Amino acid sequence: CEAVSASDYVEFSNFLAPDRKYTRHCGQLSPFHVESEKKFFRVTFRSNDRLDSTGFNATYQFVQMDEILTRPPQNTNSSKMLTCKHFCYLDNFRIEGIIVT
């Protein structure tokens, strides 16, 4: 996924500044979950003319935040619930559950 390899990639960012991003993802990957922590979220897919492939598939969901969200914690087998108070914003929306396959 390095710039010098010219690989196609998908990239996510929670920030307006173009230099603040999550890691790039490329190649054959298992589905994974990305969750926005802010009211801005960018998905960038870069491709070139070197290799032909199918691109990527993503599913997303906007979640209204009128009340405190209670959900199971990510990446654990515990049935303990997690209360997420830090996702409430003035516009009452956030993005949840981008699954890339």
PDB file of N, CA and C in Angstrom:
ATOM      1  N   CYS A   1       0.813  -1.217   0.000  1.00  0.00           N
ATOM      2  CA  CYS A   1       0.000   0.000   0.000  1.00  0.00           C
ATOM      3  C   CYS A   1       0.847   1.267   0.000  1.00  0.00           C
ATOM      4  N   GLU A   2       2.118   1.137  -0.143  1.00  0.00           N
ATOM      5  CA  GLU A   2       2.985   2.318  -0.154  1.00  0.00           C
ATOM      6  C   GLU A   2       2.814   3.080  -1.466  1.00  0.00           C
ATOM      7  N   ALA A   3       3.043   4.370  -1.429  1.00  0.00           N
ATOM      8  CA  ALA A   3       2.907   5.207  -2.622  1.00  0.00           C
ATOM      9  C   ALA A   3       3.845   4.757  -3.738  1.00  0.00           C
ATOM     10  N   VAL A   4       5.024   4.268  -3.404  1.00  0.00           N
ATOM     11  CA  VAL A   4       5.992   3.857  -4.427  1.00  0.00           C
ATOM     12  C   VAL A   4       5.571   2.585  -5.158  1.00  0.00           C
ATOM     13  N   SER A   5       4.708   1.762  -4.557  1.00  0.00           N
ATOM     14  CA  SER A   5       4.285   0.516  -5.202  1.00  0.00           C
ATOM     15  C   SER A   5       3.141   0.727  -6.188  1.00  0.00           C
ATOM     16  N   ALA A   6       2.514   1.887  -6.157  1.00  0.00           N
ATOM     17  CA  ALA A   6       1.404   2.227  -7.055  1.00  0.00           C
ATOM     18  C   ALA A   6       0.229   1.264  -6.919  1.00  0.00           C
ATOM     19  N   SER A   7       0.020   0.699  -5.743  1.00  0.00           N
ATOM     20  CA  SER A   7      -1.111  -0.199  -5.504  1.00  0.00           C
ATOM     21  C   SER A   7      -2.409   0.591  -5.397  1.00  0.00           C
ATOM     22  N   ASP A   8      -3.505  -0.042  -5.824  1.00  0.00           N
ATOM     23  CA  ASP A   8      -4.816   0.522  -5.540  1.00  0.00           C
ATOM     24  C   ASP A   8      -5.049   0.402  -4.038  1.00  0.00           C
ATOM     25  N   TYR A   9      -5.768   1.364  -3.462  1.00  0.00           N
ATOM     26  CA  TYR A   9      -6.019   1.296  -2.023  1.00  0.00           C
ATOM     27  C   TYR A   9      -7.290   2.048  -1.660  1.00  0.00           C
ATOM     28  N   VAL A  10      -7.802   1.760  -0.477  1.00  0.00           N
ATOM     29  CA  VAL A  10      -8.901   2.508   0.115  1.00  0.00           C
ATOM     30  C   VAL A  10      -8.373   3.079   1.431  1.00  0.00           C
ATOM     31  N   GLU A  11      -8.791   4.312   1.725  1.00  0.00           N
ATOM     32  CA  GLU A  11      -8.257   5.022   2.886  1.00  0.00           C
ATOM     33  C   GLU A  11      -9.406   5.744   3.583  1.00  0.00           C
ATOM     34  N   PHE A  12      -9.351   5.828   4.893  1.00  0.00           N
ATOM     35  CA  PHE A  12     -10.406   6.465   5.680  1.00  0.00           C
ATOM     36  C   PHE A  12      -9.817   7.599   6.496  1.00  0.00           C
ATOM     37  N   SER A  13     -10.631   8.637   6.743  1.00  0.00           N
ATOM     38  CA  SER A  13     -10.174   9.752   7.561  1.00  0.00           C
ATOM     39  C   SER A  13     -11.343  10.339   8.335  1.00  0.00           C
ATOM     40  N   ASN A  14     -11.099  10.692   9.587  1.00  0.00           N
ATOM     41  CA  ASN A  14     -12.060  11.385  10.442  1.00  0.00           C
ATOM     42  C   ASN A  14     -11.792  12.882  10.477  1.00  0.00           C
ATOM     43  N   PHE A  15     -10.806  13.356   9.725  1.00  0.00           N
ATOM     44  CA  PHE A  15     -10.330  14.719   9.849  1.00  0.00           C
ATOM     45  C   PHE A  15     -10.442  15.463   8.521  1.00  0.00           C
ATOM     46  N   LEU A  16     -10.692  16.773   8.602  1.00  0.00           N
ATOM     47  CA  LEU A  16     -10.738  17.595   7.394  1.00  0.00           C
ATOM     48  C   LEU A  16      -9.348  17.758   6.783  1.00  0.00           C
ATOM     49  N   ALA A  17      -8.319  17.776   7.606  1.00  0.00           N
ATOM     50  CA  ALA A  17      -6.951  17.923   7.105  1.00  0.00           C
ATOM     51  C   ALA A  17      -6.551  16.678   6.320  1.00  0.00           C
ATOM     52  N   PRO A  18      -6.044  16.831   5.090  1.00  0.00           N
ATOM     53  CA  PRO A  18      -5.729  15.664   4.255  1.00  0.00           C
ATOM     54  C   PRO A  18      -4.558  14.826   4.766  1.00  0.00           C
ATOM     55  N   ASP A  19      -3.743  15.351   5.682  1.00  0.00           N
ATOM     56  CA  ASP A  19      -2.587  14.592   6.152  1.00  0.00           C
ATOM     57  C   ASP A  19      -2.870  13.772   7.412  1.00  0.00           C
ATOM     58  N   ARG A  20      -4.090  13.806   7.928  1.00  0.00           N
ATOM     59  CA  ARG A  20      -4.430  13.035   9.130  1.00  0.00           C
ATOM     60  C   ARG A  20      -5.383  11.922   8.736  1.00  0.00           C
ATOM     61  N   LYS A  21      -4.865  10.708   8.595  1.00  0.00           N
ATOM     62  CA  LYS A  21      -5.656   9.592   8.078  1.00  0.00           C
ATOM     63  C   LYS A  21      -5.381   8.331   8.874  1.00  0.00           C
ATOM     64  N   TYR A  22      -6.297   7.370   8.728  1.00  0.00           N
ATOM     65  CA  TYR A  22      -6.044   6.020   9.213  1.00  0.00           C
ATOM     66  C   TYR A  22      -5.106   5.343   8.216  1.00  0.00           C
ATOM     67  N   THR A  23      -4.704   4.128   8.503  1.00  0.00           N
ATOM     68  CA  THR A  23      -3.821   3.418   7.583  1.00  0.00           C
ATOM     69  C   THR A  23      -4.546   3.069   6.286  1.00  0.00           C
ATOM     70  N   ARG A  24      -3.785   2.905   5.227  1.00  0.00           N
ATOM     71  CA  ARG A  24      -4.332   2.482   3.936  1.00  0.00           C
ATOM     72  C   ARG A  24      -4.590   0.988   3.955  1.00  0.00           C
ATOM     73  N   HIS A  25      -5.568   0.566   3.162  1.00  0.00           N
ATOM     74  CA  HIS A  25      -5.897  -0.853   3.049  1.00  0.00           C
ATOM     75  C   HIS A  25      -5.851  -1.235   1.580  1.00  0.00           C
ATOM     76  N   CYS A  26      -5.148  -2.322   1.275  1.00  0.00           N
ATOM     77  CA  CYS A  26      -5.082  -2.792  -0.103  1.00  0.00           C
ATOM     78  C   CYS A  26      -4.940  -4.303  -0.119  1.00  0.00           C
ATOM     79  N   GLY A  27      -5.155  -4.882  -1.283  1.00  0.00           N
ATOM     80  CA  GLY A  27      -5.038  -6.329  -1.424  1.00  0.00           C
ATOM     81  C   GLY A  27      -6.297  -7.045  -0.988  1.00  0.00           C
ATOM     82  N   GLN A  28      -6.222  -8.349  -0.897  1.00  0.00           N
ATOM     83  CA  GLN A  28      -7.350  -9.176  -0.471  1.00  0.00           C
ATOM     84  C   GLN A  28      -7.444  -9.126   1.050  1.00  0.00           C
ATOM     85  N   LEU A  29      -8.525  -8.556   1.567  1.00  0.00           N
ATOM     86  CA  LEU A  29      -8.705  -8.414   3.009  1.00  0.00           C
ATOM     87  C   LEU A  29     -10.003  -9.060   3.451  1.00  0.00           C
ATOM     88  N   SER A  30     -10.029  -9.522   4.665  1.00  0.00           N
ATOM     89  CA  SER A  30     -11.290  -9.956   5.271  1.00  0.00           C
ATOM     90  C   SER A  30     -12.100  -8.706   5.603  1.00  0.00           C
ATOM     91  N   PRO A  31     -13.428  -8.812   5.656  1.00  0.00           N
ATOM     92  CA  PRO A  31     -14.237  -7.647   6.038  1.00  0.00           C
ATOM     93  C   PRO A  31     -13.780  -7.087   7.386  1.00  0.00           C
ATOM     94  N   PHE A  32     -13.798  -5.763   7.515  1.00  0.00           N
ATOM     95  CA  PHE A  32     -13.431  -5.134   8.778  1.00  0.00           C
ATOM     96  C   PHE A  32     -14.350  -3.954   9.035  1.00  0.00           C
ATOM     97  N   HIS A  33     -14.326  -3.455  10.243  1.00  0.00           N
ATOM     98  CA  HIS A  33     -15.245  -2.423  10.710  1.00  0.00           C
ATOM     99  C   HIS A  33     -14.469  -1.133  10.965  1.00  0.00           C
ATOM    100  N   VAL A  34     -14.990  -0.013  10.463  1.00  0.00           N
ATOM    101  CA  VAL A  34     -14.429   1.305  10.740  1.00  0.00           C
ATOM    102  C   VAL A  34     -15.573   2.159  11.252  1.00  0.00           C
ATOM    103  N   GLU A  35     -15.341   2.888  12.331  1.00  0.00           N
ATOM    104  CA  GLU A  35     -16.400   3.705  12.917  1.00  0.00           C
ATOM    105  C   GLU A  35     -15.913   5.133  13.075  1.00  0.00           C
ATOM    106  N   SER A  36     -16.733   6.088  12.654  1.00  0.00           N
ATOM    107  CA  SER A  36     -16.384   7.494  12.781  1.00  0.00           C
ATOM    108  C   SER A  36     -16.561   7.951  14.219  1.00  0.00           C
ATOM    109  N   GLU A  37     -15.653   8.778  14.688  1.00  0.00           N
ATOM    110  CA  GLU A  37     -15.764   9.365  16.016  1.00  0.00           C
ATOM    111  C   GLU A  37     -16.176  10.824  15.931  1.00  0.00           C
ATOM    112  N   LYS A  38     -16.348  11.334  14.749  1.00  0.00           N
ATOM    113  CA  LYS A  38     -16.690  12.739  14.553  1.00  0.00           C
ATOM    114  C   LYS A  38     -17.781  12.840  13.503  1.00  0.00           C
ATOM    115  N   LYS A  39     -18.223  14.066  13.216  1.00  0.00           N
ATOM    116  CA  LYS A  39     -19.295  14.227  12.237  1.00  0.00           C
ATOM    117  C   LYS A  39     -18.777  14.360  10.805  1.00  0.00           C
ATOM    118  N   PHE A  40     -17.479  14.233  10.613  1.00  0.00           N
ATOM    119  CA  PHE A  40     -16.877  14.232   9.284  1.00  0.00           C
ATOM    120  C   PHE A  40     -16.240  12.870   9.054  1.00  0.00           C
ATOM    121  N   PHE A  41     -16.422  12.316   7.854  1.00  0.00           N
ATOM    122  CA  PHE A  41     -15.788  11.038   7.537  1.00  0.00           C
ATOM    123  C   PHE A  41     -15.544  10.971   6.040  1.00  0.00           C
ATOM    124  N   ARG A  42     -14.318  10.653   5.649  1.00  0.00           N
ATOM    125  CA  ARG A  42     -13.953  10.593   4.234  1.00  0.00           C
ATOM    126  C   ARG A  42     -13.486   9.181   3.888  1.00  0.00           C
ATOM    127  N   VAL A  43     -13.973   8.672   2.759  1.00  0.00           N
ATOM    128  CA  VAL A  43     -13.505   7.405   2.204  1.00  0.00           C
ATOM    129  C   VAL A  43     -12.881   7.731   0.853  1.00  0.00           C
ATOM    130  N   THR A  44     -11.628   7.371   0.667  1.00  0.00           N
ATOM    131  CA  THR A  44     -10.921   7.639  -0.585  1.00  0.00           C
ATOM    132  C   THR A  44     -10.494   6.316  -1.209  1.00  0.00           C
ATOM    133  N   PHE A  45     -10.869   6.114  -2.462  1.00  0.00           N
ATOM    134  CA  PHE A  45     -10.416   4.940  -3.213  1.00  0.00           C
ATOM    135  C   PHE A  45      -9.529   5.431  -4.341  1.00  0.00           C
ATOM    136  N   ARG A  46      -8.301   4.979  -4.374  1.00  0.00           N
ATOM    137  CA  ARG A  46      -7.346   5.357  -5.417  1.00  0.00           C
ATOM    138  C   ARG A  46      -7.047   4.145  -6.287  1.00  0.00           C
ATOM    139  N   SER A  47      -7.083   4.371  -7.579  1.00  0.00           N
ATOM    140  CA  SER A  47      -6.782   3.308  -8.526  1.00  0.00           C
ATOM    141  C   SER A  47      -5.903   3.879  -9.629  1.00  0.00           C
ATOM    142  N   ASN A  48      -5.283   2.989 -10.374  1.00  0.00           N
ATOM    143  CA  ASN A  48      -4.452   3.413 -11.495  1.00  0.00           C
ATOM    144  C   ASN A  48      -4.650   2.437 -12.648  1.00  0.00           C
ATOM    145  N   ASP A  49      -3.843   2.571 -13.685  1.00  0.00           N
ATOM    146  CA  ASP A  49      -4.001   1.718 -14.870  1.00  0.00           C
ATOM    147  C   ASP A  49      -3.051   0.518 -14.873  1.00  0.00           C
ATOM    148  N   ARG A  50      -2.426   0.205 -13.753  1.00  0.00           N
ATOM    149  CA  ARG A  50      -1.460  -0.903 -13.722  1.00  0.00           C
ATOM    150  C   ARG A  50      -2.120  -2.271 -13.679  1.00  0.00           C
ATOM    151  N   LEU A  51      -3.103  -2.463 -12.827  1.00  0.00           N
ATOM    152  CA  LEU A  51      -3.772  -3.752 -12.678  1.00  0.00           C
ATOM    153  C   LEU A  51      -5.278  -3.558 -12.764  1.00  0.00           C
ATOM    154  N   ASP A  52      -5.973  -4.521 -13.357  1.00  0.00           N
ATOM    155  CA  ASP A  52      -7.430  -4.488 -13.392  1.00  0.00           C
ATOM    156  C   ASP A  52      -7.958  -5.413 -12.313  1.00  0.00           C
ATOM    157  N   SER A  53      -8.873  -4.902 -11.500  1.00  0.00           N
ATOM    158  CA  SER A  53      -9.474  -5.707 -10.444  1.00  0.00           C
ATOM    159  C   SER A  53     -10.874  -5.177 -10.171  1.00  0.00           C
ATOM    160  N   THR A  54     -11.491  -5.675  -9.112  1.00  0.00           N
ATOM    161  CA  THR A  54     -12.899  -5.351  -8.848  1.00  0.00           C
ATOM    162  C   THR A  54     -13.094  -4.152  -7.944  1.00  0.00           C
ATOM    163  N   GLY A  55     -12.048  -3.524  -7.441  1.00  0.00           N
ATOM    164  CA  GLY A  55     -12.211  -2.375  -6.561  1.00  0.00           C
ATOM    165  C   GLY A  55     -12.519  -2.805  -5.144  1.00  0.00           C
ATOM    166  N   PHE A  56     -13.494  -2.140  -4.524  1.00  0.00           N
ATOM    167  CA  PHE A  56     -13.862  -2.502  -3.165  1.00  0.00           C
ATOM    168  C   PHE A  56     -15.361  -2.345  -2.983  1.00  0.00           C
ATOM    169  N   ASN A  57     -15.873  -2.964  -1.944  1.00  0.00           N
ATOM    170  CA  ASN A  57     -17.287  -2.888  -1.602  1.00  0.00           C
ATOM    171  C   ASN A  57     -17.389  -2.397  -0.168  1.00  0.00           C
ATOM    172  N   ALA A  58     -18.197  -1.370   0.072  1.00  0.00           N
ATOM    173  CA  ALA A  58     -18.365  -0.846   1.430  1.00  0.00           C
ATOM    174  C   ALA A  58     -19.843  -0.642   1.719  1.00  0.00           C
ATOM    175  N   THR A  59     -20.231  -0.933   2.935  1.00  0.00           N
ATOM    176  CA  THR A  59     -21.586  -0.684   3.412  1.00  0.00           C
ATOM    177  C   THR A  59     -21.487   0.306   4.555  1.00  0.00           C
ATOM    178  N   TYR A  60     -22.339   1.334   4.552  1.00  0.00           N
ATOM    179  CA  TYR A  60     -22.285   2.313   5.634  1.00  0.00           C
ATOM    180  C   TYR A  60     -23.679   2.606   6.155  1.00  0.00           C
ATOM    181  N   GLN A  61     -23.719   3.217   7.325  1.00  0.00           N
ATOM    182  CA  GLN A  61     -24.983   3.519   7.971  1.00  0.00           C
ATOM    183  C   GLN A  61     -24.823   4.812   8.766  1.00  0.00           C
ATOM    184  N   PHE A  62     -25.786   5.740   8.634  1.00  0.00           N
ATOM    185  CA  PHE A  62     -25.836   6.929   9.470  1.00  0.00           C
ATOM    186  C   PHE A  62     -26.730   6.607  10.657  1.00  0.00           C
ATOM    187  N   VAL A  63     -26.269   6.930  11.858  1.00  0.00           N
ATOM    188  CA  VAL A  63     -27.004   6.598  13.070  1.00  0.00           C
ATOM    189  C   VAL A  63     -27.367   7.885  13.787  1.00  0.00           C
ATOM    190  N   GLN A  64     -28.654   8.071  14.086  1.00  0.00           N
ATOM    191  CA  GLN A  64     -29.104   9.248  14.821  1.00  0.00           C
ATOM    192  C   GLN A  64     -28.768   9.081  16.294  1.00  0.00           C
ATOM    193  N   MET A  65     -28.290  10.155  16.910  1.00  0.00           N
ATOM    194  CA  MET A  65     -27.792  10.080  18.275  1.00  0.00           C
ATOM    195  C   MET A  65     -28.610  10.941  19.233  1.00  0.00           C
ATOM    196  N   ASP A  66     -29.937  10.801  19.254  1.00  0.00           N
ATOM    197  CA  ASP A  66     -30.778  11.574  20.161  1.00  0.00           C
ATOM    198  C   ASP A  66     -30.632  11.136  21.607  1.00  0.00           C
ATOM    199  N   GLU A  67     -30.223   9.920  21.814  1.00  0.00           N
ATOM    200  CA  GLU A  67     -30.048   9.406  23.168  1.00  0.00           C
ATOM    201  C   GLU A  67     -28.713   8.691  23.259  1.00  0.00           C
ATOM    202  N   ILE A  68     -28.295   8.368  24.434  1.00  0.00           N
ATOM    203  CA  ILE A  68     -27.027   7.671  24.638  1.00  0.00           C
ATOM    204  C   ILE A  68     -27.110   6.300  24.000  1.00  0.00           C
ATOM    205  N   LEU A  69     -26.095   5.956  23.251  1.00  0.00           N
ATOM    206  CA  LEU A  69     -26.048   4.676  22.554  1.00  0.00           C
ATOM    207  C   LEU A  69     -25.409   3.632  23.452  1.00  0.00           C
ATOM    208  N   THR A  70     -26.076   2.512  23.591  1.00  0.00           N
ATOM    209  CA  THR A  70     -25.511   1.400  24.342  1.00  0.00           C
ATOM    210  C   THR A  70     -25.348   0.240  23.385  1.00  0.00           C
ATOM    211  N   ARG A  71     -24.143  -0.289  23.306  1.00  0.00           N
ATOM    212  CA  ARG A  71     -23.869  -1.364  22.361  1.00  0.00           C
ATOM    213  C   ARG A  71     -22.782  -2.262  22.920  1.00  0.00           C
ATOM    214  N   PRO A  72     -22.653  -3.483  22.389  1.00  0.00           N
ATOM    215  CA  PRO A  72     -21.569  -4.352  22.850  1.00  0.00           C
ATOM    216  C   PRO A  72     -20.222  -3.786  22.436  1.00  0.00           C
ATOM    217  N   PRO A  73     -19.189  -3.971  23.218  1.00  0.00           N
ATOM    218  CA  PRO A  73     -17.866  -3.471  22.847  1.00  0.00           C
ATOM    219  C   PRO A  73     -17.337  -4.169  21.601  1.00  0.00           C
ATOM    220  N   GLN A  74     -16.527  -3.472  20.809  1.00  0.00           N
ATOM    221  CA  GLN A  74     -15.943  -4.020  19.591  1.00  0.00           C
ATOM    222  C   GLN A  74     -14.793  -4.957  19.932  1.00  0.00           C
ATOM    223  N   ASN A  75     -14.629  -5.986  19.124  1.00  0.00           N
ATOM    224  CA  ASN A  75     -13.485  -6.894  19.187  1.00  0.00           C
ATOM    225  C   ASN A  75     -13.334  -7.637  20.512  1.00  0.00           C
ATOM    226  N   THR A  76     -14.443  -7.948  21.165  1.00  0.00           N
ATOM    227  CA  THR A  76     -14.365  -8.758  22.375  1.00  0.00           C
ATOM    228  C   THR A  76     -15.441  -9.814  22.317  1.00  0.00           C
ATOM    229  N   ASN A  77     -15.286 -10.864  23.087  1.00  0.00           N
ATOM    230  CA  ASN A  77     -16.292 -11.909  23.179  1.00  0.00           C
ATOM    231  C   ASN A  77     -17.178 -11.714  24.394  1.00  0.00           C
ATOM    232  N   SER A  78     -16.995 -10.626  25.091  1.00  0.00           N
ATOM    233  CA  SER A  78     -17.739 -10.360  26.314  1.00  0.00           C
ATOM    234  C   SER A  78     -19.159  -9.915  25.993  1.00  0.00           C
ATOM    235  N   SER A  79     -20.096 -10.282  26.845  1.00  0.00           N
ATOM    236  CA  SER A  79     -21.477  -9.826  26.679  1.00  0.00           C
ATOM    237  C   SER A  79     -21.719  -8.540  27.460  1.00  0.00           C
ATOM    238  N   LYS A  80     -20.683  -8.012  28.117  1.00  0.00           N
ATOM    239  CA  LYS A  80     -20.784  -6.773  28.875  1.00  0.00           C
ATOM    240  C   LYS A  80     -21.114  -5.619  27.925  1.00  0.00           C
ATOM    241  N   MET A  81     -22.013  -4.727  28.335  1.00  0.00           N
ATOM    242  CA  MET A  81     -22.429  -3.617  27.484  1.00  0.00           C
ATOM    243  C   MET A  81     -21.532  -2.403  27.719  1.00  0.00           C
ATOM    244  N   LEU A  82     -21.363  -1.602  26.685  1.00  0.00           N
ATOM    245  CA  LEU A  82     -20.560  -0.395  26.751  1.00  0.00           C
ATOM    246  C   LEU A  82     -21.472   0.793  26.491  1.00  0.00           C
ATOM    247  N   THR A  83     -21.449   1.799  27.354  1.00  0.00           N
ATOM    248  CA  THR A  83     -22.238   3.006  27.144  1.00  0.00           C
ATOM    249  C   THR A  83     -21.346   4.054  26.503  1.00  0.00           C
ATOM    250  N   CYS A  84     -21.753   4.530  25.339  1.00  0.00           N
ATOM    251  CA  CYS A  84     -20.930   5.461  24.568  1.00  0.00           C
ATOM    252  C   CYS A  84     -21.540   6.847  24.624  1.00  0.00           C
ATOM    253  N   LYS A  85     -21.088   7.669  25.536  1.00  0.00           N
ATOM    254  CA  LYS A  85     -21.603   9.030  25.650  1.00  0.00           C
ATOM    255  C   LYS A  85     -20.852   9.994  24.737  1.00  0.00           C
ATOM    256  N   HIS A  86     -19.665   9.616  24.291  1.00  0.00           N
ATOM    257  CA  HIS A  86     -18.814  10.526  23.530  1.00  0.00           C
ATOM    258  C   HIS A  86     -19.198  10.640  22.056  1.00  0.00           C
ATOM    259  N   PHE A  87     -20.250   9.983  21.599  1.00  0.00           N
ATOM    260  CA  PHE A  87     -20.660  10.068  20.199  1.00  0.00           C
ATOM    261  C   PHE A  87     -21.783  11.079  19.966  1.00  0.00           C
ATOM    262  N   CYS A  88     -22.221  11.807  20.980  1.00  0.00           N
ATOM    263  CA  CYS A  88     -23.338  12.748  20.826  1.00  0.00           C
ATOM    264  C   CYS A  88     -22.816  14.098  20.328  1.00  0.00           C
ATOM    265  N   TYR A  89     -23.355  14.568  19.215  1.00  0.00           N
ATOM    266  CA  TYR A  89     -22.921  15.818  18.609  1.00  0.00           C
ATOM    267  C   TYR A  89     -24.116  16.728  18.388  1.00  0.00           C
ATOM    268  N   LEU A  90     -23.835  17.984  18.059  1.00  0.00           N
ATOM    269  CA  LEU A  90     -24.906  18.948  17.837  1.00  0.00           C
ATOM    270  C   LEU A  90     -25.832  18.531  16.709  1.00  0.00           C
ATOM    271  N   ASP A  91     -25.285  17.933  15.668  1.00  0.00           N
ATOM    272  CA  ASP A  91     -26.137  17.532  14.553  1.00  0.00           C
ATOM    273  C   ASP A  91     -26.777  16.164  14.789  1.00  0.00           C
ATOM    274  N   ASN A  92     -26.439  15.508  15.895  1.00  0.00           N
ATOM    275  CA  ASN A  92     -27.067  14.250  16.312  1.00  0.00           C
ATOM    276  C   ASN A  92     -26.900  13.092  15.337  1.00  0.00           C
ATOM    277  N   PHE A  93     -25.862  13.104  14.534  1.00  0.00           N
ATOM    278  CA  PHE A  93     -25.610  11.991  13.629  1.00  0.00           C
ATOM    279  C   PHE A  93     -24.144  11.608  13.678  1.00  0.00           C
ATOM    280  N   ARG A  94     -23.879  10.362  13.401  1.00  0.00           N
ATOM    281  CA  ARG A  94     -22.523   9.884  13.200  1.00  0.00           C
ATOM    282  C   ARG A  94     -22.590   8.739  12.204  1.00  0.00           C
ATOM    283  N   ILE A  95     -21.471   8.346  11.679  1.00  0.00           N
ATOM    284  CA  ILE A  95     -21.413   7.224  10.748  1.00  0.00           C
ATOM    285  C   ILE A  95     -20.976   5.999  11.529  1.00  0.00           C
ATOM    286  N   GLU A  96     -21.633   4.891  11.283  1.00  0.00           N
ATOM    287  CA  GLU A  96     -21.289   3.658  11.985  1.00  0.00           C
ATOM    288  C   GLU A  96     -21.215   2.508  11.003  1.00  0.00           C
ATOM    289  N   GLY A  97     -20.284   1.638  11.235  1.00  0.00           N
ATOM    290  CA  GLY A  97     -20.289   0.340  10.579  1.00  0.00           C
ATOM    291  C   GLY A  97     -19.923   0.322   9.118  1.00  0.00           C
ATOM    292  N   ILE A  98     -18.834   0.944   8.744  1.00  0.00           N
ATOM    293  CA  ILE A  98     -18.367   0.763   7.377  1.00  0.00           C
ATOM    294  C   ILE A  98     -17.659  -0.584   7.331  1.00  0.00           C
ATOM    295  N   ILE A  99     -18.216  -1.495   6.582  1.00  0.00           N
ATOM    296  CA  ILE A  99     -17.644  -2.825   6.443  1.00  0.00           C
ATOM    297  C   ILE A  99     -17.062  -2.915   5.040  1.00  0.00           C
ATOM    298  N   VAL A 100     -15.778  -3.103   4.935  1.00  0.00           N
ATOM    299  CA  VAL A 100     -15.126  -3.178   3.632  1.00  0.00           C
ATOM    300  C   VAL A 100     -14.850  -4.640   3.328  1.00  0.00           C
ATOM    301  N   THR A 101     -15.289  -5.088   2.140  1.00  0.00           N
ATOM    302  CA  THR A 101     -15.049  -6.471   1.735  1.00  0.00           C
ATOM    303  C   THR A 101     -14.357  -6.504   0.392  1.00  0.00           C
TER     304      THR A 101
END
